[in-house]
PDB file of N, CA and C in Angstrom:
ATOM      1  N   UNK A   1     255.334 279.670 175.429  1.00  0.00           N
ATOM      2  CA  UNK A   1     256.343 280.063 176.381  1.00  0.00           C
ATOM      3  C   UNK A   1     256.039 279.424 177.732  1.00  0.00           C
ATOM      4  N   UNK A   2     257.078 279.108 178.497  1.00  0.00           N
ATOM      5  CA  UNK A   2     256.941 278.469 179.803  1.00  0.00           C
ATOM      6  C   UNK A   2     257.607 279.307 180.871  1.00  0.00           C
ATOM      7  N   UNK A   3     257.159 279.141 182.101  1.00  0.00           N
ATOM      8  CA  UNK A   3     257.754 279.815 183.259  1.00  0.00           C
ATOM      9  C   UNK A   3     258.458 278.776 184.121  1.00  0.00           C
ATOM     10  N   UNK A   4     259.526 279.197 184.772  1.00  0.00           N
ATOM     11  CA  UNK A   4     260.243 278.339 185.705  1.00  0.00           C
ATOM     12  C   UNK A   4     259.734 278.678 187.103  1.00  0.00           C
ATOM     13  N   UNK A   5     259.413 277.661 187.899  1.00  0.00           N
ATOM     14  CA  UNK A   5     258.897 277.863 189.253  1.00  0.00           C
ATOM     15  C   UNK A   5     259.914 277.317 190.244  1.00  0.00           C
ATOM     16  N   UNK A   6     260.160 278.077 191.306  1.00  0.00           N
ATOM     17  CA  UNK A   6     261.077 277.663 192.353  1.00  0.00           C
ATOM     18  C   UNK A   6     260.366 277.808 193.692  1.00  0.00           C
ATOM     19  N   UNK A   7     260.568 276.845 194.578  1.00  0.00           N
ATOM     20  CA  UNK A   7     259.910 276.911 195.883  1.00  0.00           C
ATOM     21  C   UNK A   7     260.805 276.307 196.953  1.00  0.00           C
ATOM     22  N   UNK A   8     260.669 276.803 198.164  1.00  0.00           N
ATOM     23  CA  UNK A   8     261.385 276.235 199.315  1.00  0.00           C
ATOM     24  C   UNK A   8     260.399 275.411 200.133  1.00  0.00           C
ATOM     25  N   UNK A   9     260.742 274.147 200.316  1.00  0.00           N
ATOM     26  CA  UNK A   9     259.913 273.268 201.141  1.00  0.00           C
ATOM     27  C   UNK A   9     260.841 272.449 202.030  1.00  0.00           C
ATOM     28  N   UNK A  10     260.337 271.953 203.165  1.00  0.00           N
ATOM     29  CA  UNK A  10     261.182 271.155 204.055  1.00  0.00           C
ATOM     30  C   UNK A  10     261.739 269.919 203.326  1.00  0.00           C
ATOM     31  N   UNK A  11     262.966 269.554 203.674  1.00  0.00           N
ATOM     32  CA  UNK A  11     263.627 268.413 203.034  1.00  0.00           C
ATOM     33  C   UNK A  11     262.801 267.135 203.122  1.00  0.00           C
ATOM     34  N   UNK A  12     262.247 266.863 204.305  1.00  0.00           N
ATOM     35  CA  UNK A  12     261.492 265.622 204.498  1.00  0.00           C
ATOM     36  C   UNK A  12     260.261 265.593 203.592  1.00  0.00           C
ATOM     37  N   UNK A  13     259.573 266.722 203.474  1.00  0.00           N
ATOM     38  CA  UNK A  13     258.394 266.795 202.611  1.00  0.00           C
ATOM     39  C   UNK A  13     258.787 266.566 201.159  1.00  0.00           C
ATOM     40  N   UNK A  14     259.891 267.171 200.746  1.00  0.00           N
ATOM     41  CA  UNK A  14     260.375 267.002 199.377  1.00  0.00           C
ATOM     42  C   UNK A  14     260.713 265.543 199.094  1.00  0.00           C
ATOM     43  N   UNK A  15     261.471 264.929 200.004  1.00  0.00           N
ATOM     44  CA  UNK A  15     261.877 263.534 199.809  1.00  0.00           C
ATOM     45  C   UNK A  15     260.675 262.602 199.729  1.00  0.00           C
ATOM     46  N   UNK A  16     259.732 262.795 200.646  1.00  0.00           N
ATOM     47  CA  UNK A  16     258.532 261.949 200.640  1.00  0.00           C
ATOM     48  C   UNK A  16     257.704 262.190 199.384  1.00  0.00           C
ATOM     49  N   UNK A  17     257.600 263.449 198.980  1.00  0.00           N
ATOM     50  CA  UNK A  17     256.846 263.780 197.773  1.00  0.00           C
ATOM     51  C   UNK A  17     257.469 263.187 196.527  1.00  0.00           C
ATOM     52  N   UNK A  18     258.789 263.255 196.419  1.00  0.00           N
ATOM     53  CA  UNK A  18     259.476 262.686 195.255  1.00  0.00           C
ATOM     54  C   UNK A  18     259.300 261.170 195.205  1.00  0.00           C
ATOM     55  N   UNK A  19     259.342 260.535 196.374  1.00  0.00           N
ATOM     56  CA  UNK A  19     259.134 259.088 196.425  1.00  0.00           C
ATOM     57  C   UNK A  19     257.724 258.741 195.941  1.00  0.00           C
ATOM     58  N   UNK A  20     256.743 259.517 196.364  1.00  0.00           N
ATOM     59  CA  UNK A  20     255.361 259.269 195.950  1.00  0.00           C
ATOM     60  C   UNK A  20     255.191 259.530 194.459  1.00  0.00           C
ATOM     61  N   UNK A  21     255.820 260.597 193.959  1.00  0.00           N
ATOM     62  CA  UNK A  21     255.757 260.882 192.524  1.00  0.00           C
ATOM     63  C   UNK A  21     256.343 259.725 191.720  1.00  0.00           C
ATOM     64  N   UNK A  22     257.445 259.183 192.204  1.00  0.00           N
ATOM     65  CA  UNK A  22     258.078 258.054 191.520  1.00  0.00           C
ATOM     66  C   UNK A  22     257.146 256.843 191.502  1.00  0.00           C
ATOM     67  N   UNK A  23     256.480 256.589 192.629  1.00  0.00           N
ATOM     68  CA  UNK A  23     255.508 255.488 192.693  1.00  0.00           C
ATOM     69  C   UNK A  23     254.410 255.678 191.652  1.00  0.00           C
ATOM     70  N   UNK A  24     254.007 256.930 191.468  1.00  0.00           N
ATOM     71  CA  UNK A  24     252.926 257.244 190.525  1.00  0.00           C
ATOM     72  C   UNK A  24     253.416 257.351 189.085  1.00  0.00           C
ATOM     73  N   UNK A  25     254.731 257.367 188.905  1.00  0.00           N
ATOM     74  CA  UNK A  25     255.284 257.537 187.565  1.00  0.00           C
ATOM     75  C   UNK A  25     255.101 258.955 187.059  1.00  0.00           C
ATOM     76  N   UNK A  26     255.084 259.915 187.967  1.00  0.00           N
ATOM     77  CA  UNK A  26     254.870 261.320 187.610  1.00  0.00           C
ATOM     78  C   UNK A  26     256.136 262.121 187.895  1.00  0.00           C
ATOM     79  N   UNK A  27     256.179 263.328 187.367  1.00  0.00           N
ATOM     80  CA  UNK A  27     257.329 264.212 187.554  1.00  0.00           C
ATOM     81  C   UNK A  27     256.940 265.409 188.407  1.00  0.00           C
ATOM     82  N   UNK A  28     257.954 266.132 188.857  1.00  0.00           N
ATOM     83  CA  UNK A  28     257.711 267.347 189.630  1.00  0.00           C
ATOM     84  C   UNK A  28     256.987 268.382 188.775  1.00  0.00           C
ATOM     85  N   UNK A  29     257.305 268.432 187.509  1.00  0.00           N
ATOM     86  CA  UNK A  29     256.635 269.366 186.601  1.00  0.00           C
ATOM     87  C   UNK A  29     255.147 269.056 186.510  1.00  0.00           C
ATOM     88  N   UNK A  30     254.820 267.777 186.412  1.00  0.00           N
ATOM     89  CA  UNK A  30     253.411 267.385 186.354  1.00  0.00           C
ATOM     90  C   UNK A  30     252.684 267.767 187.639  1.00  0.00           C
ATOM     91  N   UNK A  31     253.377 267.625 188.766  1.00  0.00           N
ATOM     92  CA  UNK A  31     252.783 268.000 190.052  1.00  0.00           C
ATOM     93  C   UNK A  31     252.463 269.490 190.092  1.00  0.00           C
ATOM     94  N   UNK A  32     253.417 270.314 189.673  1.00  0.00           N
ATOM     95  CA  UNK A  32     253.209 271.761 189.699  1.00  0.00           C
ATOM     96  C   UNK A  32     252.089 272.158 188.738  1.00  0.00           C
ATOM     97  N   UNK A  33     252.059 271.562 187.549  1.00  0.00           N
ATOM     98  CA  UNK A  33     250.982 271.859 186.595  1.00  0.00           C
ATOM     99  C   UNK A  33     249.627 271.472 187.185  1.00  0.00           C
ATOM    100  N   UNK A  34     249.562 270.301 187.840  1.00  0.00           N
ATOM    101  CA  UNK A  34     248.312 269.847 188.451  1.00  0.00           C
ATOM    102  C   UNK A  34     247.875 270.798 189.559  1.00  0.00           C
ATOM    103  N   UNK A  35     248.848 271.329 190.335  1.00  0.00           N
ATOM    104  CA  UNK A  35     248.521 272.280 191.397  1.00  0.00           C
ATOM    105  C   UNK A  35     247.932 273.565 190.814  1.00  0.00           C
ATOM    106  N   UNK A  36     248.504 274.057 189.730  1.00  0.00           N
ATOM    107  CA  UNK A  36     247.968 275.264 189.094  1.00  0.00           C
ATOM    108  C   UNK A  36     246.586 274.997 188.491  1.00  0.00           C
ATOM    109  N   UNK A  37     246.395 273.827 187.888  1.00  0.00           N
ATOM    110  CA  UNK A  37     245.074 273.462 187.352  1.00  0.00           C
ATOM    111  C   UNK A  37     244.039 273.443 188.468  1.00  0.00           C
ATOM    112  N   UNK A  38     244.409 272.851 189.615  1.00  0.00           N
ATOM    113  CA  UNK A  38     243.500 272.788 190.765  1.00  0.00           C
ATOM    114  C   UNK A  38     243.139 274.201 191.225  1.00  0.00           C
ATOM    115  N   UNK A  39     244.141 275.051 191.346  1.00  0.00           N
ATOM    116  CA  UNK A  39     243.926 276.431 191.786  1.00  0.00           C
ATOM    117  C   UNK A  39     242.950 277.165 190.861  1.00  0.00           C
ATOM    118  N   UNK A  40     243.124 276.998 189.574  1.00  0.00           N
ATOM    119  CA  UNK A  40     242.259 277.689 188.620  1.00  0.00           C
ATOM    120  C   UNK A  40     240.829 277.140 188.632  1.00  0.00           C
ATOM    121  N   UNK A  41     240.698 275.829 188.790  1.00  0.00           N
ATOM    122  CA  UNK A  41     239.360 275.222 188.792  1.00  0.00           C
ATOM    123  C   UNK A  41     238.616 275.467 190.105  1.00  0.00           C
ATOM    124  N   UNK A  42     239.301 275.289 191.225  1.00  0.00           N
ATOM    125  CA  UNK A  42     238.650 275.357 192.537  1.00  0.00           C
ATOM    126  C   UNK A  42     238.713 276.737 193.181  1.00  0.00           C
ATOM    127  N   UNK A  43     239.585 277.589 192.674  1.00  0.00           N
ATOM    128  CA  UNK A  43     239.794 278.921 193.243  1.00  0.00           C
ATOM    129  C   UNK A  43     240.216 278.872 194.713  1.00  0.00           C
ATOM    130  N   UNK A  44     240.942 277.817 195.061  1.00  0.00           N
ATOM    131  CA  UNK A  44     241.465 277.661 196.422  1.00  0.00           C
ATOM    132  C   UNK A  44     242.636 276.687 196.389  1.00  0.00           C
ATOM    133  N   UNK A  45     243.361 276.659 197.481  1.00  0.00           N
ATOM    134  CA  UNK A  45     244.465 275.711 197.604  1.00  0.00           C
ATOM    135  C   UNK A  45     243.948 274.383 198.144  1.00  0.00           C
ATOM    136  N   UNK A  46     244.553 273.286 197.750  1.00  0.00           N
ATOM    137  CA  UNK A  46     244.152 272.001 198.336  1.00  0.00           C
ATOM    138  C   UNK A  46     244.488 272.006 199.828  1.00  0.00           C
ATOM    139  N   UNK A  47     243.625 271.466 200.645  1.00  0.00           N
ATOM    140  CA  UNK A  47     243.834 271.434 202.092  1.00  0.00           C
ATOM    141  C   UNK A  47     243.933 269.999 202.576  1.00  0.00           C
ATOM    142  N   UNK A  48     244.801 269.767 203.560  1.00  0.00           N
ATOM    143  CA  UNK A  48     244.887 268.462 204.198  1.00  0.00           C
ATOM    144  C   UNK A  48     243.759 268.402 205.217  1.00  0.00           C
ATOM    145  N   UNK A  49     242.952 267.371 205.151  1.00  0.00           N
ATOM    146  CA  UNK A  49     241.828 267.280 206.080  1.00  0.00           C
ATOM    147  C   UNK A  49     242.328 267.035 207.494  1.00  0.00           C
ATOM    148  N   UNK A  50     241.561 267.459 208.477  1.00  0.00           N
ATOM    149  CA  UNK A  50     241.942 267.262 209.878  1.00  0.00           C
ATOM    150  C   UNK A  50     242.025 265.788 210.219  1.00  0.00           C
ATOM    151  N   UNK A  51     241.164 264.981 209.610  1.00  0.00           N
ATOM    152  CA  UNK A  51     241.195 263.539 209.868  1.00  0.00           C
ATOM    153  C   UNK A  51     242.536 262.954 209.466  1.00  0.00           C
ATOM    154  N   UNK A  52     243.037 263.333 208.295  1.00  0.00           N
ATOM    155  CA  UNK A  52     244.315 262.806 207.826  1.00  0.00           C
ATOM    156  C   UNK A  52     245.444 263.235 208.737  1.00  0.00           C
ATOM    157  N   UNK A  53     245.411 264.489 209.215  1.00  0.00           N
ATOM    158  CA  UNK A  53     246.447 264.960 210.130  1.00  0.00           C
ATOM    159  C   UNK A  53     246.393 264.222 211.447  1.00  0.00           C
ATOM    160  N   UNK A  54     245.184 263.968 211.955  1.00  0.00           N
ATOM    161  CA  UNK A  54     245.030 263.292 213.247  1.00  0.00           C
ATOM    162  C   UNK A  54     245.550 261.868 213.176  1.00  0.00           C
ATOM    163  N   UNK A  55     245.342 261.208 212.056  1.00  0.00           N
ATOM    164  CA  UNK A  55     245.801 259.831 211.897  1.00  0.00           C
ATOM    165  C   UNK A  55     247.326 259.765 211.928  1.00  0.00           C
ATOM    166  N   UNK A  56     247.972 260.791 211.429  1.00  0.00           N
ATOM    167  CA  UNK A  56     249.427 260.804 211.357  1.00  0.00           C
ATOM    168  C   UNK A  56     250.077 260.968 212.730  1.00  0.00           C
ATOM    169  N   UNK A  57     249.329 261.420 213.725  1.00  0.00           N
ATOM    170  CA  UNK A  57     249.900 261.602 215.062  1.00  0.00           C
ATOM    171  C   UNK A  57     250.134 260.254 215.717  1.00  0.00           C
ATOM    172  N   UNK A  58     251.258 260.163 216.385  1.00  0.00           N
ATOM    173  CA  UNK A  58     251.614 258.919 217.055  1.00  0.00           C
ATOM    174  C   UNK A  58     251.206 259.001 218.510  1.00  0.00           C
ATOM    175  N   UNK A  59     250.608 257.949 219.012  1.00  0.00           N
ATOM    176  CA  UNK A  59     250.198 257.886 220.408  1.00  0.00           C
ATOM    177  C   UNK A  59     251.049 256.836 221.127  1.00  0.00           C
ATOM    178  N   UNK A  60     251.520 257.192 222.311  1.00  0.00           N
ATOM    179  CA  UNK A  60     252.292 256.242 223.105  1.00  0.00           C
ATOM    180  C   UNK A  60     251.353 255.315 223.863  1.00  0.00           C
ATOM    181  N   UNK A  61     251.750 254.076 223.962  1.00  0.00           N
ATOM    182  CA  UNK A  61     250.979 253.127 224.774  1.00  0.00           C
ATOM    183  C   UNK A  61     251.271 253.421 226.242  1.00  0.00           C
ATOM    184  N   UNK A  62     250.491 252.831 227.121  1.00  0.00           N
ATOM    185  CA  UNK A  62     250.701 253.027 228.557  1.00  0.00           C
ATOM    186  C   UNK A  62     252.103 252.561 228.951  1.00  0.00           C
ATOM    187  N   UNK A  63     252.511 251.435 228.404  1.00  0.00           N
ATOM    188  CA  UNK A  63     253.838 250.887 228.708  1.00  0.00           C
ATOM    189  C   UNK A  63     254.942 251.829 228.204  1.00  0.00           C
ATOM    190  N   UNK A  64     254.774 252.379 227.016  1.00  0.00           N
ATOM    191  CA  UNK A  64     255.766 253.321 226.475  1.00  0.00           C
ATOM    192  C   UNK A  64     255.847 254.581 227.331  1.00  0.00           C
ATOM    193  N   UNK A  65     254.685 255.076 227.804  1.00  0.00           N
ATOM    194  CA  UNK A  65     254.674 256.259 228.667  1.00  0.00           C
ATOM    195  C   UNK A  65     255.425 255.986 229.966  1.00  0.00           C
ATOM    196  N   UNK A  66     255.207 254.802 230.545  1.00  0.00           N
ATOM    197  CA  UNK A  66     255.883 254.447 231.795  1.00  0.00           C
ATOM    198  C   UNK A  66     257.390 254.332 231.589  1.00  0.00           C
ATOM    199  N   UNK A  67     257.790 253.713 230.479  1.00  0.00           N
ATOM    200  CA  UNK A  67     259.212 253.568 230.172  1.00  0.00           C
ATOM    201  C   UNK A  67     259.860 254.930 229.978  1.00  0.00           C
ATOM    202  N   UNK A  68     259.184 255.801 229.246  1.00  0.00           N
ATOM    203  CA  UNK A  68     259.707 257.148 229.008  1.00  0.00           C
ATOM    204  C   UNK A  68     259.829 257.920 230.320  1.00  0.00           C
ATOM    205  N   UNK A  69     258.806 257.842 231.159  1.00  0.00           N
ATOM    206  CA  UNK A  69     258.842 258.542 232.449  1.00  0.00           C
ATOM    207  C   UNK A  69     259.994 258.034 233.314  1.00  0.00           C
ATOM    208  N   UNK A  70     260.214 256.731 233.319  1.00  0.00           N
ATOM    209  CA  UNK A  70     261.301 256.157 234.115  1.00  0.00           C
ATOM    210  C   UNK A  70     262.663 256.624 233.591  1.00  0.00           C
ATOM    211  N   UNK A  71     262.814 256.657 232.283  1.00  0.00           N
ATOM    212  CA  UNK A  71     264.090 257.094 231.706  1.00  0.00           C
ATOM    213  C   UNK A  71     264.345 258.570 231.992  1.00  0.00           C
ATOM    214  N   UNK A  72     263.305 259.393 231.898  1.00  0.00           N
ATOM    215  CA  UNK A  72     263.469 260.810 232.200  1.00  0.00           C
ATOM    216  C   UNK A  72     263.812 261.024 233.670  1.00  0.00           C
ATOM    217  N   UNK A  73     263.168 260.261 234.544  1.00  0.00           N
ATOM    218  CA  UNK A  73     263.444 260.391 235.977  1.00  0.00           C
ATOM    219  C   UNK A  73     264.886 260.010 236.291  1.00  0.00           C
ATOM    220  N   UNK A  74     265.410 259.016 235.587  1.00  0.00           N
ATOM    221  CA  UNK A  74     266.787 258.579 235.853  1.00  0.00           C
ATOM    222  C   UNK A  74     267.814 259.579 235.336  1.00  0.00           C
ATOM    223  N   UNK A  75     267.397 260.487 234.453  1.00  0.00           N
ATOM    224  CA  UNK A  75     268.315 261.485 233.901  1.00  0.00           C
ATOM    225  C   UNK A  75     268.426 262.732 234.764  1.00  0.00           C
ATOM    226  N   UNK A  76     267.525 262.912 235.708  1.00  0.00           N
ATOM    227  CA  UNK A  76     267.517 264.126 236.498  1.00  0.00           C
ATOM    228  C   UNK A  76     268.604 264.094 237.559  1.00  0.00           C
ATOM    229  N   UNK A  77     269.248 265.229 237.750  1.00  0.00           N
ATOM    230  CA  UNK A  77     270.266 265.356 238.785  1.00  0.00           C
ATOM    231  C   UNK A  77     269.619 265.910 240.039  1.00  0.00           C
ATOM    232  N   UNK A  78     269.826 265.244 241.133  1.00  0.00           N
ATOM    233  CA  UNK A  78     269.279 265.699 242.402  1.00  0.00           C
ATOM    234  C   UNK A  78     270.426 266.289 243.217  1.00  0.00           C
ATOM    235  N   UNK A  79     270.670 267.584 243.032  1.00  0.00           N
ATOM    236  CA  UNK A  79     271.771 268.235 243.737  1.00  0.00           C
ATOM    237  C   UNK A  79     271.243 269.427 244.515  1.00  0.00           C
ATOM    238  N   UNK A  80     271.942 269.730 245.583  1.00  0.00           N
ATOM    239  CA  UNK A  80     271.597 270.903 246.384  1.00  0.00           C
ATOM    240  C   UNK A  80     272.442 272.073 245.899  1.00  0.00           C
ATOM    241  N   UNK A  81     271.785 273.173 245.627  1.00  0.00           N
ATOM    242  CA  UNK A  81     272.506 274.377 245.226  1.00  0.00           C
ATOM    243  C   UNK A  81     272.740 275.191 246.494  1.00  0.00           C
ATOM    244  N   UNK A  82     274.004 275.495 246.788  1.00  0.00           N
ATOM    245  CA  UNK A  82     274.288 276.284 247.985  1.00  0.00           C
ATOM    246  C   UNK A  82     273.528 277.614 247.952  1.00  0.00           C
ATOM    247  N   UNK A  83     273.131 278.081 249.129  1.00  0.00           N
ATOM    248  CA  UNK A  83     272.334 279.297 249.237  1.00  0.00           C
ATOM    249  C   UNK A  83     273.014 280.493 248.595  1.00  0.00           C
ATOM    250  N   UNK A  84     274.328 280.622 248.784  1.00  0.00           N
ATOM    251  CA  UNK A  84     275.020 281.784 248.216  1.00  0.00           C
ATOM    252  C   UNK A  84     275.022 281.754 246.685  1.00  0.00           C
ATOM    253  N   UNK A  85     275.078 280.566 246.091  1.00  0.00           N
ATOM    254  CA  UNK A  85     275.039 280.450 244.629  1.00  0.00           C
ATOM    255  C   UNK A  85     273.638 280.780 244.127  1.00  0.00           C
ATOM    256  N   UNK A  86     272.621 280.231 244.812  1.00  0.00           N
ATOM    257  CA  UNK A  86     271.239 280.505 244.415  1.00  0.00           C
ATOM    258  C   UNK A  86     270.959 281.999 244.503  1.00  0.00           C
ATOM    259  N   UNK A  87     271.447 282.660 245.572  1.00  0.00           N
ATOM    260  CA  UNK A  87     271.247 284.092 245.726  1.00  0.00           C
ATOM    261  C   UNK A  87     271.948 284.853 244.607  1.00  0.00           C
ATOM    262  N   UNK A  88     273.189 284.446 244.289  1.00  0.00           N
ATOM    263  CA  UNK A  88     273.955 285.131 243.248  1.00  0.00           C
ATOM    264  C   UNK A  88     273.230 285.024 241.902  1.00  0.00           C
ATOM    265  N   UNK A  89     272.625 283.864 241.612  1.00  0.00           N
ATOM    266  CA  UNK A  89     271.897 283.699 240.349  1.00  0.00           C
ATOM    267  C   UNK A  89     270.675 284.624 240.320  1.00  0.00           C
ATOM    268  N   UNK A  90     269.974 284.714 241.441  1.00  0.00           N
ATOM    269  CA  UNK A  90     268.802 285.588 241.505  1.00  0.00           C
ATOM    270  C   UNK A  90     269.217 287.049 241.343  1.00  0.00           C
ATOM    271  N   UNK A  91     270.304 287.445 241.972  1.00  0.00           N
ATOM    272  CA  UNK A  91     270.781 288.822 241.872  1.00  0.00           C
ATOM    273  C   UNK A  91     271.200 289.148 240.436  1.00  0.00           C
ATOM    274  N   UNK A  92     271.890 288.219 239.789  1.00  0.00           N
ATOM    275  CA  UNK A  92     272.305 288.424 238.399  1.00  0.00           C
ATOM    276  C   UNK A  92     271.080 288.544 237.494  1.00  0.00           C
ATOM    277  N   UNK A  93     270.077 287.735 237.746  1.00  0.00           N
ATOM    278  CA  UNK A  93     268.846 287.773 236.957  1.00  0.00           C
ATOM    279  C   UNK A  93     268.151 289.139 237.120  1.00  0.00           C
ATOM    280  N   UNK A  94     268.079 289.626 238.360  1.00  0.00           N
ATOM    281  CA  UNK A  94     267.461 290.933 238.603  1.00  0.00           C
ATOM    282  C   UNK A  94     268.241 292.055 237.915  1.00  0.00           C
ATOM    283  N   UNK A  95     269.566 291.985 237.938  1.00  0.00           N
ATOM    284  CA  UNK A  95     270.388 293.006 237.287  1.00  0.00           C
ATOM    285  C   UNK A  95     270.172 292.991 235.778  1.00  0.00           C
ATOM    286  N   UNK A  96     270.079 291.797 235.169  1.00  0.00           N
ATOM    287  CA  UNK A  96     269.819 291.705 233.725  1.00  0.00           C
ATOM    288  C   UNK A  96     268.456 292.279 233.381  1.00  0.00           C
ATOM    289  N   UNK A  97     267.456 291.956 234.202  1.00  0.00           N
ATOM    290  CA  UNK A  97     266.107 292.471 233.959  1.00  0.00           C
ATOM    291  C   UNK A  97     266.084 293.991 234.022  1.00  0.00           C
ATOM    292  N   UNK A  98     266.862 294.567 234.939  1.00  0.00           N
ATOM    293  CA  UNK A  98     266.875 296.022 235.109  1.00  0.00           C
ATOM    294  C   UNK A  98     267.470 296.728 233.891  1.00  0.00           C
ATOM    295  N   UNK A  99     268.308 296.037 233.119  1.00  0.00           N
ATOM    296  CA  UNK A  99     268.941 296.639 231.951  1.00  0.00           C
ATOM    297  C   UNK A  99     268.014 296.770 230.764  1.00  0.00           C
ATOM    298  N   UNK A 100     266.949 295.977 230.735  1.00  0.00           N
ATOM    299  CA  UNK A 100     266.067 295.946 229.569  1.00  0.00           C
ATOM    300  C   UNK A 100     264.681 296.408 229.929  1.00  0.00           C
ATOM    301  N   UNK A 101     264.060 297.120 229.027  1.00  0.00           N
ATOM    302  CA  UNK A 101     262.692 297.562 229.275  1.00  0.00           C
ATOM    303  C   UNK A 101     261.742 296.384 229.064  1.00  0.00           C
ATOM    304  N   UNK A 102     260.651 296.431 229.762  1.00  0.00           N
ATOM    305  CA  UNK A 102     259.645 295.387 229.636  1.00  0.00           C
ATOM    306  C   UNK A 102     258.826 295.660 228.395  1.00  0.00           C
ATOM    307  N   UNK A 103     258.667 294.646 227.553  1.00  0.00           N
ATOM    308  CA  UNK A 103     257.861 294.790 226.346  1.00  0.00           C
ATOM    309  C   UNK A 103     256.535 294.096 226.595  1.00  0.00           C
ATOM    310  N   UNK A 104     255.450 294.851 226.497  1.00  0.00           N
ATOM    311  CA  UNK A 104     254.137 294.282 226.746  1.00  0.00           C
ATOM    312  C   UNK A 104     253.308 294.282 225.490  1.00  0.00           C
TER     313      UNK A 104
END
């Protein structure tokens, strides 16, 4: 007798995993069976090493950081908010805060 297994995983992880399975000539069923075999033999879940995770992180070059900073600076609006509008926003914020209890 066999059991059917269902799981929710992110779309990107699924797509990448299926592509890798295809490269290996393996099926999703074989993957799940291998995971259960690993669990029974090792009595733990497989873990991604910190080294592998660190390698996957992307680092910006100095030039990329400068370009990004310049683009962000050009997107900012430099406007003066009239005093009466700024006061009205602060008053509205205080009134909203007064309606709700503080959760600590």
